[in-house]
């Protein structure tokens, strides 16, 4: 399963390319909205589609390019938790959260959950 990078709320634009880092500029369709709005949209439009992760998604914002970071959000049991991390570890963090082998609120991810700190590859690999 691949994570979804949301660049539009148009569900007809969600396809296999939605897992790739966008190559053209876009406006974040959820800018200035709470993470719960994105979680609700994901739950109703993406969750359950076999080609994408059922519980994790990636959020890019206006600072992502400069900070080389992305927010990995996990929706487990209706509870949204997010960790900002470098591009180089986002896929791995997304996979371990999706598989349930790591919790967003416990262990090494818990130190970064809900903070502005960016989890780096060095910190993740410890």
PDB file of N, CA and C in Angstrom:
ATOM      1  N   UNK A   1       0.830  -1.182   0.000  1.00  0.00           N
ATOM      2  CA  UNK A   1       0.000   0.000   0.000  1.00  0.00           C
ATOM      3  C   UNK A   1       0.871   1.241   0.000  1.00  0.00           C
ATOM      4  N   UNK A   2       0.409   2.252  -0.690  1.00  0.00           N
ATOM      5  CA  UNK A   2       1.160   3.499  -0.787  1.00  0.00           C
ATOM      6  C   UNK A   2       0.470   4.593   0.019  1.00  0.00           C
ATOM      7  N   UNK A   3       1.271   5.521   0.537  1.00  0.00           N
ATOM      8  CA  UNK A   3       0.637   6.670   1.196  1.00  0.00           C
ATOM      9  C   UNK A   3       0.077   7.617   0.146  1.00  0.00           C
ATOM     10  N   UNK A   4      -0.859   8.407   0.541  1.00  0.00           N
ATOM     11  CA  UNK A   4      -1.484   9.375  -0.356  1.00  0.00           C
ATOM     12  C   UNK A   4      -0.974  10.769  -0.032  1.00  0.00           C
ATOM     13  N   UNK A   5      -0.558  11.505  -1.040  1.00  0.00           N
ATOM     14  CA  UNK A   5      -0.206  12.906  -0.875  1.00  0.00           C
ATOM     15  C   UNK A   5      -1.370  13.697  -1.447  1.00  0.00           C
ATOM     16  N   UNK A   6      -2.065  14.417  -0.590  1.00  0.00           N
ATOM     17  CA  UNK A   6      -3.278  15.126  -0.984  1.00  0.00           C
ATOM     18  C   UNK A   6      -2.914  16.505  -1.534  1.00  0.00           C
ATOM     19  N   UNK A   7      -3.229  16.721  -2.796  1.00  0.00           N
ATOM     20  CA  UNK A   7      -2.999  18.026  -3.419  1.00  0.00           C
ATOM     21  C   UNK A   7      -4.305  18.647  -3.891  1.00  0.00           C
ATOM     22  N   UNK A   8      -5.398  17.910  -3.750  1.00  0.00           N
ATOM     23  CA  UNK A   8      -6.707  18.388  -4.187  1.00  0.00           C
ATOM     24  C   UNK A   8      -7.782  17.616  -3.434  1.00  0.00           C
ATOM     25  N   UNK A   9      -8.934  18.234  -3.258  1.00  0.00           N
ATOM     26  CA  UNK A   9     -10.049  17.518  -2.632  1.00  0.00           C
ATOM     27  C   UNK A   9     -10.907  16.815  -3.683  1.00  0.00           C
ATOM     28  N   UNK A  10     -10.540  16.945  -4.941  1.00  0.00           N
ATOM     29  CA  UNK A  10     -11.265  16.299  -6.029  1.00  0.00           C
ATOM     30  C   UNK A  10     -10.916  14.811  -6.032  1.00  0.00           C
ATOM     31  N   UNK A  11     -11.840  13.969  -5.590  1.00  0.00           N
ATOM     32  CA  UNK A  11     -11.571  12.533  -5.486  1.00  0.00           C
ATOM     33  C   UNK A  11     -11.289  11.892  -6.840  1.00  0.00           C
ATOM     34  N   UNK A  12     -11.697  12.533  -7.918  1.00  0.00           N
ATOM     35  CA  UNK A  12     -11.434  11.993  -9.254  1.00  0.00           C
ATOM     36  C   UNK A  12      -9.977  12.168  -9.668  1.00  0.00           C
ATOM     37  N   UNK A  13      -9.233  12.983  -8.929  1.00  0.00           N
ATOM     38  CA  UNK A  13      -7.817  13.185  -9.222  1.00  0.00           C
ATOM     39  C   UNK A  13      -6.922  12.242  -8.423  1.00  0.00           C
ATOM     40  N   UNK A  14      -7.516  11.405  -7.596  1.00  0.00           N
ATOM     41  CA  UNK A  14      -6.739  10.454  -6.804  1.00  0.00           C
ATOM     42  C   UNK A  14      -6.462   9.230  -7.671  1.00  0.00           C
ATOM     43  N   UNK A  15      -5.199   9.024  -7.975  1.00  0.00           N
ATOM     44  CA  UNK A  15      -4.801   7.865  -8.770  1.00  0.00           C
ATOM     45  C   UNK A  15      -3.396   7.446  -8.355  1.00  0.00           C
ATOM     46  N   UNK A  16      -2.758   6.591  -9.134  1.00  0.00           N
ATOM     47  CA  UNK A  16      -1.443   6.080  -8.779  1.00  0.00           C
ATOM     48  C   UNK A  16      -0.390   7.183  -8.652  1.00  0.00           C
ATOM     49  N   UNK A  17      -0.599   8.314  -9.307  1.00  0.00           N
ATOM     50  CA  UNK A  17       0.351   9.432  -9.207  1.00  0.00           C
ATOM     51  C   UNK A  17       0.228  10.162  -7.875  1.00  0.00           C
ATOM     52  N   UNK A  18      -0.821   9.891  -7.124  1.00  0.00           N
ATOM     53  CA  UNK A  18      -1.065  10.588  -5.857  1.00  0.00           C
ATOM     54  C   UNK A  18      -0.101  10.168  -4.752  1.00  0.00           C
ATOM     55  N   UNK A  19       0.775   9.212  -5.032  1.00  0.00           N
ATOM     56  CA  UNK A  19       1.775   8.790  -4.058  1.00  0.00           C
ATOM     57  C   UNK A  19       3.121   9.448  -4.325  1.00  0.00           C
ATOM     58  N   UNK A  20       3.228  10.169  -5.412  1.00  0.00           N
ATOM     59  CA  UNK A  20       4.496  10.806  -5.774  1.00  0.00           C
ATOM     60  C   UNK A  20       4.521  12.243  -5.286  1.00  0.00           C
ATOM     61  N   UNK A  21       5.715  12.702  -4.952  1.00  0.00           N
ATOM     62  CA  UNK A  21       5.869  14.101  -4.563  1.00  0.00           C
ATOM     63  C   UNK A  21       5.485  14.954  -5.763  1.00  0.00           C
ATOM     64  N   UNK A  22       4.607  15.913  -5.578  1.00  0.00           N
ATOM     65  CA  UNK A  22       4.156  16.742  -6.702  1.00  0.00           C
ATOM     66  C   UNK A  22       5.316  17.458  -7.386  1.00  0.00           C
ATOM     67  N   UNK A  23       5.263  17.520  -8.706  1.00  0.00           N
ATOM     68  CA  UNK A  23       6.322  18.180  -9.467  1.00  0.00           C
ATOM     69  C   UNK A  23       5.924  19.592  -9.883  1.00  0.00           C
ATOM     70  N   UNK A  24       4.682  19.958  -9.639  1.00  0.00           N
ATOM     71  CA  UNK A  24       4.219  21.303  -9.952  1.00  0.00           C
ATOM     72  C   UNK A  24       3.630  21.927  -8.690  1.00  0.00           C
ATOM     73  N   UNK A  25       3.704  23.244  -8.573  1.00  0.00           N
ATOM     74  CA  UNK A  25       3.154  23.904  -7.382  1.00  0.00           C
ATOM     75  C   UNK A  25       1.653  23.645  -7.233  1.00  0.00           C
ATOM     76  N   UNK A  26       1.195  23.625  -5.995  1.00  0.00           N
ATOM     77  CA  UNK A  26      -0.222  23.454  -5.717  1.00  0.00           C
ATOM     78  C   UNK A  26      -0.553  24.171  -4.422  1.00  0.00           C
ATOM     79  N   UNK A  27      -1.808  24.488  -4.260  1.00  0.00           N
ATOM     80  CA  UNK A  27      -2.297  25.081  -3.020  1.00  0.00           C
ATOM     81  C   UNK A  27      -2.813  23.946  -2.138  1.00  0.00           C
ATOM     82  N   UNK A  28      -2.432  23.947  -0.894  1.00  0.00           N
ATOM     83  CA  UNK A  28      -2.913  22.937   0.031  1.00  0.00           C
ATOM     84  C   UNK A  28      -4.416  23.133   0.221  1.00  0.00           C
ATOM     85  N   UNK A  29      -5.235  22.161  -0.171  1.00  0.00           N
ATOM     86  CA  UNK A  29      -6.686  22.327  -0.064  1.00  0.00           C
ATOM     87  C   UNK A  29      -7.190  22.371   1.379  1.00  0.00           C
ATOM     88  N   UNK A  30      -6.339  22.035   2.321  1.00  0.00           N
ATOM     89  CA  UNK A  30      -6.734  22.034   3.725  1.00  0.00           C
ATOM     90  C   UNK A  30      -5.994  23.089   4.535  1.00  0.00           C
ATOM     91  N   UNK A  31      -5.399  24.068   3.845  1.00  0.00           N
ATOM     92  CA  UNK A  31      -4.671  25.137   4.543  1.00  0.00           C
ATOM     93  C   UNK A  31      -5.593  25.833   5.536  1.00  0.00           C
ATOM     94  N   UNK A  32      -5.053  26.099   6.684  1.00  0.00           N
ATOM     95  CA  UNK A  32      -5.773  26.809   7.750  1.00  0.00           C
ATOM     96  C   UNK A  32      -6.990  26.058   8.272  1.00  0.00           C
ATOM     97  N   UNK A  33      -7.050  24.766   8.040  1.00  0.00           N
ATOM     98  CA  UNK A  33      -8.120  23.947   8.599  1.00  0.00           C
ATOM     99  C   UNK A  33      -7.501  22.991   9.613  1.00  0.00           C
ATOM    100  N   UNK A  34      -8.253  22.556  10.591  1.00  0.00           N
ATOM    101  CA  UNK A  34      -7.698  21.608  11.565  1.00  0.00           C
ATOM    102  C   UNK A  34      -7.419  20.260  10.907  1.00  0.00           C
ATOM    103  N   UNK A  35      -6.479  19.525  11.478  1.00  0.00           N
ATOM    104  CA  UNK A  35      -6.126  18.220  10.944  1.00  0.00           C
ATOM    105  C   UNK A  35      -7.348  17.300  10.893  1.00  0.00           C
ATOM    106  N   UNK A  36      -8.318  17.524  11.775  1.00  0.00           N
ATOM    107  CA  UNK A  36      -9.512  16.686  11.775  1.00  0.00           C
ATOM    108  C   UNK A  36     -10.281  16.814  10.461  1.00  0.00           C
ATOM    109  N   UNK A  37     -10.248  18.000   9.822  1.00  0.00           N
ATOM    110  CA  UNK A  37     -10.930  18.173   8.533  1.00  0.00           C
ATOM    111  C   UNK A  37     -10.292  17.272   7.478  1.00  0.00           C
ATOM    112  N   UNK A  38      -8.966  17.207   7.469  1.00  0.00           N
ATOM    113  CA  UNK A  38      -8.265  16.329   6.535  1.00  0.00           C
ATOM    114  C   UNK A  38      -8.536  14.871   6.874  1.00  0.00           C
ATOM    115  N   UNK A  39      -8.528  14.551   8.170  1.00  0.00           N
ATOM    116  CA  UNK A  39      -8.815  13.179   8.588  1.00  0.00           C
ATOM    117  C   UNK A  39     -10.204  12.730   8.178  1.00  0.00           C
ATOM    118  N   UNK A  40     -11.194  13.595   8.340  1.00  0.00           N
ATOM    119  CA  UNK A  40     -12.565  13.267   7.933  1.00  0.00           C
ATOM    120  C   UNK A  40     -12.647  13.057   6.428  1.00  0.00           C
ATOM    121  N   UNK A  41     -11.995  13.949   5.679  1.00  0.00           N
ATOM    122  CA  UNK A  41     -12.006  13.828   4.215  1.00  0.00           C
ATOM    123  C   UNK A  41     -11.358  12.518   3.790  1.00  0.00           C
ATOM    124  N   UNK A  42     -10.215  12.191   4.399  1.00  0.00           N
ATOM    125  CA  UNK A  42      -9.503  10.949   4.095  1.00  0.00           C
ATOM    126  C   UNK A  42     -10.393   9.742   4.397  1.00  0.00           C
ATOM    127  N   UNK A  43     -11.011   9.756   5.555  1.00  0.00           N
ATOM    128  CA  UNK A  43     -11.865   8.647   5.980  1.00  0.00           C
ATOM    129  C   UNK A  43     -13.008   8.404   4.994  1.00  0.00           C
ATOM    130  N   UNK A  44     -13.612   9.460   4.492  1.00  0.00           N
ATOM    131  CA  UNK A  44     -14.766   9.331   3.595  1.00  0.00           C
ATOM    132  C   UNK A  44     -14.404   9.121   2.127  1.00  0.00           C
ATOM    133  N   UNK A  45     -13.206   9.505   1.711  1.00  0.00           N
ATOM    134  CA  UNK A  45     -12.867   9.465   0.287  1.00  0.00           C
ATOM    135  C   UNK A  45     -11.729   8.530  -0.093  1.00  0.00           C
ATOM    136  N   UNK A  46     -10.901   8.146   0.870  1.00  0.00           N
ATOM    137  CA  UNK A  46      -9.716   7.354   0.534  1.00  0.00           C
ATOM    138  C   UNK A  46      -9.660   6.045   1.299  1.00  0.00           C
ATOM    139  N   UNK A  47      -9.948   6.088   2.587  1.00  0.00           N
ATOM    140  CA  UNK A  47      -9.850   4.901   3.419  1.00  0.00           C
ATOM    141  C   UNK A  47     -10.654   3.758   2.798  1.00  0.00           C
ATOM    142  N   UNK A  48     -10.025   2.603   2.714  1.00  0.00           N
ATOM    143  CA  UNK A  48     -10.692   1.453   2.127  1.00  0.00           C
ATOM    144  C   UNK A  48     -10.345   1.215   0.669  1.00  0.00           C
ATOM    145  N   UNK A  49      -9.708   2.193   0.022  1.00  0.00           N
ATOM    146  CA  UNK A  49      -9.261   1.980  -1.363  1.00  0.00           C
ATOM    147  C   UNK A  49      -8.004   1.134  -1.315  1.00  0.00           C
ATOM    148  N   UNK A  50      -8.029   0.007  -1.975  1.00  0.00           N
ATOM    149  CA  UNK A  50      -6.957  -0.984  -1.845  1.00  0.00           C
ATOM    150  C   UNK A  50      -5.587  -0.486  -2.282  1.00  0.00           C
ATOM    151  N   UNK A  51      -5.522   0.540  -3.133  1.00  0.00           N
ATOM    152  CA  UNK A  51      -4.228   0.991  -3.630  1.00  0.00           C
ATOM    153  C   UNK A  51      -3.512   1.946  -2.674  1.00  0.00           C
ATOM    154  N   UNK A  52      -4.190   2.400  -1.633  1.00  0.00           N
ATOM    155  CA  UNK A  52      -3.585   3.334  -0.698  1.00  0.00           C
ATOM    156  C   UNK A  52      -3.641   2.798   0.718  1.00  0.00           C
ATOM    157  N   UNK A  53      -2.778   3.341   1.537  1.00  0.00           N
ATOM    158  CA  UNK A  53      -2.770   3.025   2.951  1.00  0.00           C
ATOM    159  C   UNK A  53      -4.164   3.281   3.516  1.00  0.00           C
ATOM    160  N   UNK A  54      -4.592   2.464   4.454  1.00  0.00           N
ATOM    161  CA  UNK A  54      -5.925   2.673   5.017  1.00  0.00           C
ATOM    162  C   UNK A  54      -5.913   3.579   6.236  1.00  0.00           C
ATOM    163  N   UNK A  55      -4.724   3.857   6.794  1.00  0.00           N
ATOM    164  CA  UNK A  55      -4.740   4.657   8.018  1.00  0.00           C
ATOM    165  C   UNK A  55      -3.721   5.789   8.061  1.00  0.00           C
ATOM    166  N   UNK A  56      -2.843   5.903   7.077  1.00  0.00           N
ATOM    167  CA  UNK A  56      -1.857   6.982   7.107  1.00  0.00           C
ATOM    168  C   UNK A  56      -1.914   7.808   5.833  1.00  0.00           C
ATOM    169  N   UNK A  57      -1.603   9.087   5.984  1.00  0.00           N
ATOM    170  CA  UNK A  57      -1.490   9.964   4.819  1.00  0.00           C
ATOM    171  C   UNK A  57      -0.431  11.006   5.098  1.00  0.00           C
ATOM    172  N   UNK A  58       0.057  11.628   4.035  1.00  0.00           N
ATOM    173  CA  UNK A  58       1.123  12.617   4.132  1.00  0.00           C
ATOM    174  C   UNK A  58       0.576  13.998   3.831  1.00  0.00           C
ATOM    175  N   UNK A  59       1.041  14.979   4.585  1.00  0.00           N
ATOM    176  CA  UNK A  59       0.586  16.347   4.398  1.00  0.00           C
ATOM    177  C   UNK A  59       1.794  17.233   4.095  1.00  0.00           C
ATOM    178  N   UNK A  60       1.776  17.850   2.931  1.00  0.00           N
ATOM    179  CA  UNK A  60       2.785  18.840   2.564  1.00  0.00           C
ATOM    180  C   UNK A  60       2.182  20.214   2.789  1.00  0.00           C
ATOM    181  N   UNK A  61       2.991  21.149   3.247  1.00  0.00           N
ATOM    182  CA  UNK A  61       2.490  22.513   3.411  1.00  0.00           C
ATOM    183  C   UNK A  61       3.476  23.500   2.803  1.00  0.00           C
ATOM    184  N   UNK A  62       3.243  24.775   2.995  1.00  0.00           N
ATOM    185  CA  UNK A  62       4.075  25.791   2.357  1.00  0.00           C
ATOM    186  C   UNK A  62       5.510  25.778   2.872  1.00  0.00           C
ATOM    187  N   UNK A  63       5.767  25.114   3.982  1.00  0.00           N
ATOM    188  CA  UNK A  63       7.113  25.049   4.531  1.00  0.00           C
ATOM    189  C   UNK A  63       7.837  23.756   4.147  1.00  0.00           C
ATOM    190  N   UNK A  64       7.154  22.817   3.523  1.00  0.00           N
ATOM    191  CA  UNK A  64       7.727  21.500   3.243  1.00  0.00           C
ATOM    192  C   UNK A  64       8.980  21.564   2.374  1.00  0.00           C
ATOM    193  N   UNK A  65       8.941  22.344   1.309  1.00  0.00           N
ATOM    194  CA  UNK A  65      10.091  22.402   0.411  1.00  0.00           C
ATOM    195  C   UNK A  65      11.311  22.974   1.128  1.00  0.00           C
ATOM    196  N   UNK A  66      11.111  24.061   1.854  1.00  0.00           N
ATOM    197  CA  UNK A  66      12.225  24.712   2.544  1.00  0.00           C
ATOM    198  C   UNK A  66      12.783  23.843   3.671  1.00  0.00           C
ATOM    199  N   UNK A  67      11.902  23.223   4.453  1.00  0.00           N
ATOM    200  CA  UNK A  67      12.350  22.423   5.597  1.00  0.00           C
ATOM    201  C   UNK A  67      12.613  20.968   5.215  1.00  0.00           C
ATOM    202  N   UNK A  68      12.297  20.613   3.961  1.00  0.00           N
ATOM    203  CA  UNK A  68      12.432  19.236   3.484  1.00  0.00           C
ATOM    204  C   UNK A  68      11.741  18.267   4.441  1.00  0.00           C
ATOM    205  N   UNK A  69      10.504  18.623   4.777  1.00  0.00           N
ATOM    206  CA  UNK A  69       9.752  17.802   5.721  1.00  0.00           C
ATOM    207  C   UNK A  69       8.311  17.616   5.263  1.00  0.00           C
ATOM    208  N   UNK A  70       7.694  16.620   5.830  1.00  0.00           N
ATOM    209  CA  UNK A  70       6.308  16.282   5.544  1.00  0.00           C
ATOM    210  C   UNK A  70       5.688  15.796   6.853  1.00  0.00           C
ATOM    211  N   UNK A  71       4.396  15.990   7.008  1.00  0.00           N
ATOM    212  CA  UNK A  71       3.689  15.485   8.188  1.00  0.00           C
ATOM    213  C   UNK A  71       3.117  14.114   7.834  1.00  0.00           C
ATOM    214  N   UNK A  72       3.491  13.107   8.592  1.00  0.00           N
ATOM    215  CA  UNK A  72       2.892  11.782   8.450  1.00  0.00           C
ATOM    216  C   UNK A  72       1.777  11.719   9.481  1.00  0.00           C
ATOM    217  N   UNK A  73       0.556  11.505   9.011  1.00  0.00           N
ATOM    218  CA  UNK A  73      -0.603  11.470   9.900  1.00  0.00           C
ATOM    219  C   UNK A  73      -1.157  10.052   9.926  1.00  0.00           C
ATOM    220  N   UNK A  74      -1.433   9.570  11.114  1.00  0.00           N
ATOM    221  CA  UNK A  74      -2.000   8.235  11.289  1.00  0.00           C
ATOM    222  C   UNK A  74      -3.375   8.363  11.920  1.00  0.00           C
ATOM    223  N   UNK A  75      -4.343   7.701  11.333  1.00  0.00           N
ATOM    224  CA  UNK A  75      -5.713   7.700  11.823  1.00  0.00           C
ATOM    225  C   UNK A  75      -6.024   6.288  12.312  1.00  0.00           C
ATOM    226  N   UNK A  76      -5.864   6.088  13.602  1.00  0.00           N
ATOM    227  CA  UNK A  76      -6.143   4.777  14.204  1.00  0.00           C
ATOM    228  C   UNK A  76      -7.314   4.918  15.158  1.00  0.00           C
ATOM    229  N   UNK A  77      -8.360   4.209  14.897  1.00  0.00           N
ATOM    230  CA  UNK A  77      -9.520   4.223  15.777  1.00  0.00           C
ATOM    231  C   UNK A  77     -10.142   5.601  15.927  1.00  0.00           C
ATOM    232  N   UNK A  78     -10.066   6.393  14.868  1.00  0.00           N
ATOM    233  CA  UNK A  78     -10.641   7.723  14.903  1.00  0.00           C
ATOM    234  C   UNK A  78      -9.769   8.764  15.574  1.00  0.00           C
ATOM    235  N   UNK A  79      -8.588   8.363  16.032  1.00  0.00           N
ATOM    236  CA  UNK A  79      -7.663   9.300  16.677  1.00  0.00           C
ATOM    237  C   UNK A  79      -6.553   9.666  15.695  1.00  0.00           C
ATOM    238  N   UNK A  80      -6.435  10.972  15.406  1.00  0.00           N
ATOM    239  CA  UNK A  80      -5.409  11.462  14.491  1.00  0.00           C
ATOM    240  C   UNK A  80      -4.172  11.894  15.257  1.00  0.00           C
ATOM    241  N   UNK A  81      -3.023  11.418  14.808  1.00  0.00           N
ATOM    242  CA  UNK A  81      -1.749  11.839  15.369  1.00  0.00           C
ATOM    243  C   UNK A  81      -0.798  12.076  14.208  1.00  0.00           C
ATOM    244  N   UNK A  82       0.057  13.080  14.358  1.00  0.00           N
ATOM    245  CA  UNK A  82       0.978  13.403  13.288  1.00  0.00           C
ATOM    246  C   UNK A  82       2.388  13.643  13.773  1.00  0.00           C
ATOM    247  N   UNK A  83       3.338  13.295  12.908  1.00  0.00           N
ATOM    248  CA  UNK A  83       4.759  13.499  13.172  1.00  0.00           C
ATOM    249  C   UNK A  83       5.365  14.174  11.956  1.00  0.00           C
ATOM    250  N   UNK A  84       6.046  15.291  12.166  1.00  0.00           N
ATOM    251  CA  UNK A  84       6.791  15.931  11.082  1.00  0.00           C
ATOM    252  C   UNK A  84       8.132  15.231  10.959  1.00  0.00           C
ATOM    253  N   UNK A  85       8.476  14.891   9.729  1.00  0.00           N
ATOM    254  CA  UNK A  85       9.730  14.172   9.531  1.00  0.00           C
ATOM    255  C   UNK A  85      10.344  14.552   8.190  1.00  0.00           C
ATOM    256  N   UNK A  86      11.592  14.180   8.034  1.00  0.00           N
ATOM    257  CA  UNK A  86      12.272  14.425   6.775  1.00  0.00           C
ATOM    258  C   UNK A  86      11.689  13.556   5.677  1.00  0.00           C
ATOM    259  N   UNK A  87      11.827  14.031   4.436  1.00  0.00           N
ATOM    260  CA  UNK A  87      11.351  13.260   3.287  1.00  0.00           C
ATOM    261  C   UNK A  87      11.965  11.861   3.273  1.00  0.00           C
ATOM    262  N   UNK A  88      13.224  11.760   3.714  1.00  0.00           N
ATOM    263  CA  UNK A  88      13.950  10.501   3.623  1.00  0.00           C
ATOM    264  C   UNK A  88      13.444   9.408   4.559  1.00  0.00           C
ATOM    265  N   UNK A  89      12.631   9.739   5.542  1.00  0.00           N
ATOM    266  CA  UNK A  89      12.088   8.717   6.444  1.00  0.00           C
ATOM    267  C   UNK A  89      10.560   8.660   6.439  1.00  0.00           C
ATOM    268  N   UNK A  90       9.926   9.539   5.696  1.00  0.00           N
ATOM    269  CA  UNK A  90       8.458   9.608   5.710  1.00  0.00           C
ATOM    270  C   UNK A  90       7.798   8.294   5.299  1.00  0.00           C
ATOM    271  N   UNK A  91       8.299   7.661   4.260  1.00  0.00           N
ATOM    272  CA  UNK A  91       7.688   6.420   3.781  1.00  0.00           C
ATOM    273  C   UNK A  91       7.813   5.316   4.833  1.00  0.00           C
ATOM    274  N   UNK A  92       8.979   5.198   5.434  1.00  0.00           N
ATOM    275  CA  UNK A  92       9.167   4.159   6.442  1.00  0.00           C
ATOM    276  C   UNK A  92       8.268   4.393   7.651  1.00  0.00           C
ATOM    277  N   UNK A  93       8.184   5.630   8.112  1.00  0.00           N
ATOM    278  CA  UNK A  93       7.329   5.938   9.256  1.00  0.00           C
ATOM    279  C   UNK A  93       5.866   5.675   8.910  1.00  0.00           C
ATOM    280  N   UNK A  94       5.483   6.036   7.700  1.00  0.00           N
ATOM    281  CA  UNK A  94       4.121   5.779   7.252  1.00  0.00           C
ATOM    282  C   UNK A  94       3.814   4.281   7.277  1.00  0.00           C
ATOM    283  N   UNK A  95       4.758   3.476   6.799  1.00  0.00           N
ATOM    284  CA  UNK A  95       4.535   2.025   6.745  1.00  0.00           C
ATOM    285  C   UNK A  95       4.444   1.407   8.132  1.00  0.00           C
ATOM    286  N   UNK A  96       5.357   1.782   9.057  1.00  0.00           N
ATOM    287  CA  UNK A  96       5.313   1.155  10.382  1.00  0.00           C
ATOM    288  C   UNK A  96       4.077   1.573  11.160  1.00  0.00           C
ATOM    289  N   UNK A  97       3.610   2.790  10.923  1.00  0.00           N
ATOM    290  CA  UNK A  97       2.370   3.226  11.577  1.00  0.00           C
ATOM    291  C   UNK A  97       1.169   2.508  10.977  1.00  0.00           C
ATOM    292  N   UNK A  98       1.185   2.359   9.659  1.00  0.00           N
ATOM    293  CA  UNK A  98       0.083   1.682   8.982  1.00  0.00           C
ATOM    294  C   UNK A  98      -0.006   0.216   9.404  1.00  0.00           C
ATOM    295  N   UNK A  99       1.137  -0.415   9.557  1.00  0.00           N
ATOM    296  CA  UNK A  99       1.166  -1.818   9.967  1.00  0.00           C
ATOM    297  C   UNK A  99       0.867  -1.995  11.451  1.00  0.00           C
ATOM    298  N   UNK A 100       0.967  -0.904  12.213  1.00  0.00           N
ATOM    299  CA  UNK A 100       0.697  -0.977  13.639  1.00  0.00           C
ATOM    300  C   UNK A 100       1.886  -1.442  14.460  1.00  0.00           C
ATOM    301  N   UNK A 101       3.080  -1.501  13.857  1.00  0.00           N
ATOM    302  CA  UNK A 101       4.255  -1.945  14.606  1.00  0.00           C
ATOM    303  C   UNK A 101       4.830  -0.841  15.479  1.00  0.00           C
ATOM    304  N   UNK A 102       4.477   0.415  15.180  1.00  0.00           N
ATOM    305  CA  UNK A 102       4.905   1.553  15.996  1.00  0.00           C
ATOM    306  C   UNK A 102       3.690   2.442  16.251  1.00  0.00           C
ATOM    307  N   UNK A 103       3.657   3.013  17.424  1.00  0.00           N
ATOM    308  CA  UNK A 103       2.584   3.926  17.770  1.00  0.00           C
ATOM    309  C   UNK A 103       3.075   5.358  17.607  1.00  0.00           C
ATOM    310  N   UNK A 104       2.194   6.233  17.152  1.00  0.00           N
ATOM    311  CA  UNK A 104       2.549   7.645  17.021  1.00  0.00           C
ATOM    312  C   UNK A 104       2.743   8.304  18.384  1.00  0.00           C
ATOM    313  N   UNK A 105       2.143   7.749  19.419  1.00  0.00           N
ATOM    314  CA  UNK A 105       2.209   8.431  20.713  1.00  0.00           C
ATOM    315  C   UNK A 105       3.157   7.766  21.709  1.00  0.00           C
ATOM    316  N   UNK A 106       3.676   6.612  21.364  1.00  0.00           N
ATOM    317  CA  UNK A 106       4.604   5.919  22.250  1.00  0.00           C
ATOM    318  C   UNK A 106       5.989   5.847  21.615  1.00  0.00           C
ATOM    319  N   UNK A 107       6.958   5.542  22.414  1.00  0.00           N
ATOM    320  CA  UNK A 107       8.304   5.303  21.914  1.00  0.00           C
ATOM    321  C   UNK A 107       8.925   6.514  21.245  1.00  0.00           C
ATOM    322  N   UNK A 108       9.799   6.232  20.282  1.00  0.00           N
ATOM    323  CA  UNK A 108      10.552   7.307  19.634  1.00  0.00           C
ATOM    324  C   UNK A 108       9.666   8.267  18.849  1.00  0.00           C
ATOM    325  N   UNK A 109       8.550   7.820  18.312  1.00  0.00           N
ATOM    326  CA  UNK A 109       7.660   8.726  17.585  1.00  0.00           C
ATOM    327  C   UNK A 109       6.919   9.653  18.534  1.00  0.00           C
ATOM    328  N   UNK A 110       6.639   9.184  19.739  1.00  0.00           N
ATOM    329  CA  UNK A 110       5.912   9.978  20.721  1.00  0.00           C
ATOM    330  C   UNK A 110       6.615  11.271  21.101  1.00  0.00           C
ATOM    331  N   UNK A 111       7.942  11.260  21.034  1.00  0.00           N
ATOM    332  CA  UNK A 111       8.713  12.465  21.346  1.00  0.00           C
ATOM    333  C   UNK A 111       8.435  13.582  20.343  1.00  0.00           C
ATOM    334  N   UNK A 112       8.031  13.224  19.136  1.00  0.00           N
ATOM    335  CA  UNK A 112       7.829  14.192  18.060  1.00  0.00           C
ATOM    336  C   UNK A 112       6.354  14.454  17.760  1.00  0.00           C
ATOM    337  N   UNK A 113       5.498  13.572  18.221  1.00  0.00           N
ATOM    338  CA  UNK A 113       4.068  13.677  17.924  1.00  0.00           C
ATOM    339  C   UNK A 113       3.497  14.975  18.483  1.00  0.00           C
ATOM    340  N   UNK A 114       2.861  15.732  17.599  1.00  0.00           N
ATOM    341  CA  UNK A 114       2.199  16.964  18.013  1.00  0.00           C
ATOM    342  C   UNK A 114       3.129  18.123  18.304  1.00  0.00           C
ATOM    343  N   UNK A 115       4.413  17.987  17.963  1.00  0.00           N
ATOM    344  CA  UNK A 115       5.363  19.079  18.185  1.00  0.00           C
ATOM    345  C   UNK A 115       5.792  19.652  16.842  1.00  0.00           C
ATOM    346  N   UNK A 116       6.505  20.749  16.892  1.00  0.00           N
ATOM    347  CA  UNK A 116       7.033  21.365  15.670  1.00  0.00           C
ATOM    348  C   UNK A 116       8.380  20.761  15.283  1.00  0.00           C
ATOM    349  N   UNK A 117       8.928  19.899  16.131  1.00  0.00           N
ATOM    350  CA  UNK A 117      10.222  19.284  15.857  1.00  0.00           C
ATOM    351  C   UNK A 117      10.113  18.333  14.665  1.00  0.00           C
ATOM    352  N   UNK A 118      11.165  18.287  13.870  1.00  0.00           N
ATOM    353  CA  UNK A 118      11.199  17.417  12.687  1.00  0.00           C
ATOM    354  C   UNK A 118      12.050  16.194  13.000  1.00  0.00           C
ATOM    355  N   UNK A 119      11.458  15.034  12.850  1.00  0.00           N
ATOM    356  CA  UNK A 119      12.167  13.770  13.073  1.00  0.00           C
ATOM    357  C   UNK A 119      13.092  13.527  11.888  1.00  0.00           C
ATOM    358  N   UNK A 120      14.376  13.455  12.151  1.00  0.00           N
ATOM    359  CA  UNK A 120      15.364  13.241  11.099  1.00  0.00           C
ATOM    360  C   UNK A 120      15.683  11.750  10.953  1.00  0.00           C
ATOM    361  N   UNK A 121      16.324  11.410   9.872  1.00  0.00           N
ATOM    362  CA  UNK A 121      16.728  10.030   9.640  1.00  0.00           C
ATOM    363  C   UNK A 121      17.684   9.563  10.742  1.00  0.00           C
ATOM    364  N   UNK A 122      18.593  10.442  11.134  1.00  0.00           N
ATOM    365  CA  UNK A 122      19.564  10.091  12.175  1.00  0.00           C
ATOM    366  C   UNK A 122      18.858   9.772  13.494  1.00  0.00           C
ATOM    367  N   UNK A 123      17.887  10.591  13.854  1.00  0.00           N
ATOM    368  CA  UNK A 123      17.142  10.360  15.100  1.00  0.00           C
ATOM    369  C   UNK A 123      16.296   9.090  15.008  1.00  0.00           C
ATOM    370  N   UNK A 124      15.677   8.859  13.835  1.00  0.00           N
ATOM    371  CA  UNK A 124      14.832   7.675  13.650  1.00  0.00           C
ATOM    372  C   UNK A 124      15.646   6.393  13.747  1.00  0.00           C
ATOM    373  N   UNK A 125      16.831   6.393  13.135  1.00  0.00           N
ATOM    374  CA  UNK A 125      17.660   5.189  13.135  1.00  0.00           C
ATOM    375  C   UNK A 125      18.442   5.029  14.424  1.00  0.00           C
ATOM    376  N   UNK A 126      18.507   6.129  15.189  1.00  0.00           N
ATOM    377  CA  UNK A 126      19.080   6.154  16.515  1.00  0.00           C
ATOM    378  C   UNK A 126      20.467   5.706  16.634  1.00  0.00           C
TER     379      UNK A 126
END
